[in-house]
C-alpha atoms as a PDB file:
ATOM      1  CA  ARG A   1      -5.271 109.790 146.071  1.00  0.00           C
ATOM      2  CA  ARG A   2      -4.360 107.930 149.228  1.00  0.00           C
ATOM      3  CA  GLY A   3      -1.187 105.550 148.914  1.00  0.00           C
ATOM      4  CA  VAL A   4       0.146 107.711 145.696  1.00  0.00           C
ATOM      5  CA  LEU A   5       3.705 108.701 145.780  1.00  0.00           C
ATOM      6  CA  ILE A   6       5.093 111.208 143.601  1.00  0.00           C
ATOM      7  CA  GLU A   7       8.595 110.676 142.497  1.00  0.00           C
ATOM      8  CA  GLU A   8       9.165 113.126 139.817  1.00  0.00           C
ATOM      9  CA  VAL A   9       7.808 116.249 138.558  1.00  0.00           C
ATOM     10  CA  GLU A  10       8.583 117.580 134.993  1.00  0.00           C
ATOM     11  CA  ARG A  11      11.655 114.550 135.019  1.00  0.00           C
ATOM     12  CA  ARG A  12      12.919 115.852 138.249  1.00  0.00           C
ATOM     13  CA  PRO A  13      13.279 113.702 141.034  1.00  0.00           C
ATOM     14  CA  VAL A  14      11.375 115.168 144.053  1.00  0.00           C
ATOM     15  CA  GLN A  15      11.811 113.449 147.668  1.00  0.00           C
ATOM     16  CA  THR A  16       9.969 116.352 149.996  1.00  0.00           C
ATOM     17  CA  VAL A  17       6.708 117.881 149.779  1.00  0.00           C
ATOM     18  CA  GLN A  18       8.659 121.507 149.807  1.00  0.00           C
ATOM     19  CA  ALA A  19      10.347 119.927 146.968  1.00  0.00           C
ATOM     20  CA  PHE A  20       7.078 119.254 144.715  1.00  0.00           C
ATOM     21  CA  ARG A  21       5.827 122.496 145.646  1.00  0.00           C
ATOM     22  CA  THR A  22       8.812 123.996 144.359  1.00  0.00           C
ATOM     23  CA  ALA A  23       9.064 122.865 141.234  1.00  0.00           C
ATOM     24  CA  ILE A  24       5.170 123.186 140.364  1.00  0.00           C
ATOM     25  CA  SER A  25       5.356 126.923 141.256  1.00  0.00           C
ATOM     26  CA  LYS A  26       7.898 126.981 138.174  1.00  0.00           C
ATOM     27  CA  VAL A  27       5.137 125.833 135.877  1.00  0.00           C
ATOM     28  CA  ALA A  28       2.949 128.545 134.379  1.00  0.00           C
ATOM     29  CA  SER A  29      -0.767 128.282 135.341  1.00  0.00           C
ATOM     30  CA  GLY A  30      -3.017 126.024 132.432  1.00  0.00           C
ATOM     31  CA  LYS A  31       0.690 124.557 131.223  1.00  0.00           C
ATOM     32  CA  PRO A  32       0.299 120.583 131.696  1.00  0.00           C
ATOM     33  CA  ILE A  33       2.833 118.938 134.385  1.00  0.00           C
ATOM     34  CA  LEU A  34       4.768 115.579 133.965  1.00  0.00           C
ATOM     35  CA  LEU A  35       4.967 113.775 137.250  1.00  0.00           C
ATOM     36  CA  LEU A  36       5.752 110.115 137.681  1.00  0.00           C
ATOM     37  CA  VAL A  37       3.928 108.682 140.524  1.00  0.00           C
ATOM     38  CA  ARG A  38       4.036 105.350 142.205  1.00  0.00           C
ATOM     39  CA  LEU A  39       0.672 103.328 143.680  1.00  0.00           C
ATOM     40  CA  GLY A  40       2.027  99.957 145.356  1.00  0.00           C
ATOM     41  CA  ASN A  41       4.746  98.332 143.007  1.00  0.00           C
ATOM     42  CA  ALA A  42       3.610 100.069 139.704  1.00  0.00           C
ATOM     43  CA  ASN A  43       5.249 103.331 138.645  1.00  0.00           C
ATOM     44  CA  GLN A  44       3.154 105.391 136.413  1.00  0.00           C
ATOM     45  CA  PHE A  45       3.446 109.009 134.148  1.00  0.00           C
ATOM     46  CA  ILE A  46       0.556 110.885 134.351  1.00  0.00           C
ATOM     47  CA  VAL A  47      -0.273 114.882 133.102  1.00  0.00           C
ATOM     48  CA  ILE A  48      -2.325 117.234 135.356  1.00  0.00           C
ATOM     49  CA  ARG A  49      -2.675 120.236 134.167  1.00  0.00           C
ATOM     50  CA  LYS A  50      -2.237 123.595 136.704  1.00  0.00           C
ATOM     51  CA  PRO A  51      -5.169 125.297 137.346  1.00  0.00           C
END
């Protein structure tokens, strides 16, 4: 979603798009991925499943 900042992937900080891509590439297809995201002043953990 526009305006959402991804801060962590699997509890590891990511600061660039390349770091995000590298982190998710290490997760097997079909497995869940834990993300820490920020929207405005709120942080939230969400889980997505890698296709």
